[in-house]
Amino acid sequence: MTVNLSDEEWKERLSPRAYAVLRQAATERPGTGELLFESRDGLYSCGACGATLFDADTKFDSGCGWPSFFEAKPGAVREVTDTSHGMTRTEVRCANCGSHLGHVFPDAPQTPTGNRFCMNSVALSFQPQE
């Protein structure tokens, strides 16, 4: 089920920091995210709508300062060309609610896919495996 809320509803639902990242495509400072060093088994979900995005076993330490994953759950994310800040990058959005999560880069040869999904911690929630 796709989540479609008004801007005012998102503002009520999210913290100011989460709103800036998830709905306005801001980026948290590297090394500051609460989930950067999370290493338990579990699932990572969209911080806005709760849709499951990544398995913990796809997370790796890329050294970039943001939680990184080599693969998203099938159909969980949508990739969009981002030409902001004078660069061309691939933005990653939640397929369920359209929220900005981060970017994906094809610069991780140490992973099975070669991809680095560089995500903002505030854009994610984590549910540890029981």
Foldseek 3Di string as FASTA:
>chain_A
DADEDDLVVQPVQADPVLCCCFVVVDADDFQPAPCQPDQFWFFKAFLRPGHTWDTSVQWDCPVPRATKGLDTDPPQWDWDWDCPPNDTFIWIAGNRYRTTFGGKDQCQPVHPRSIIRGGHNSRIDTDGDD
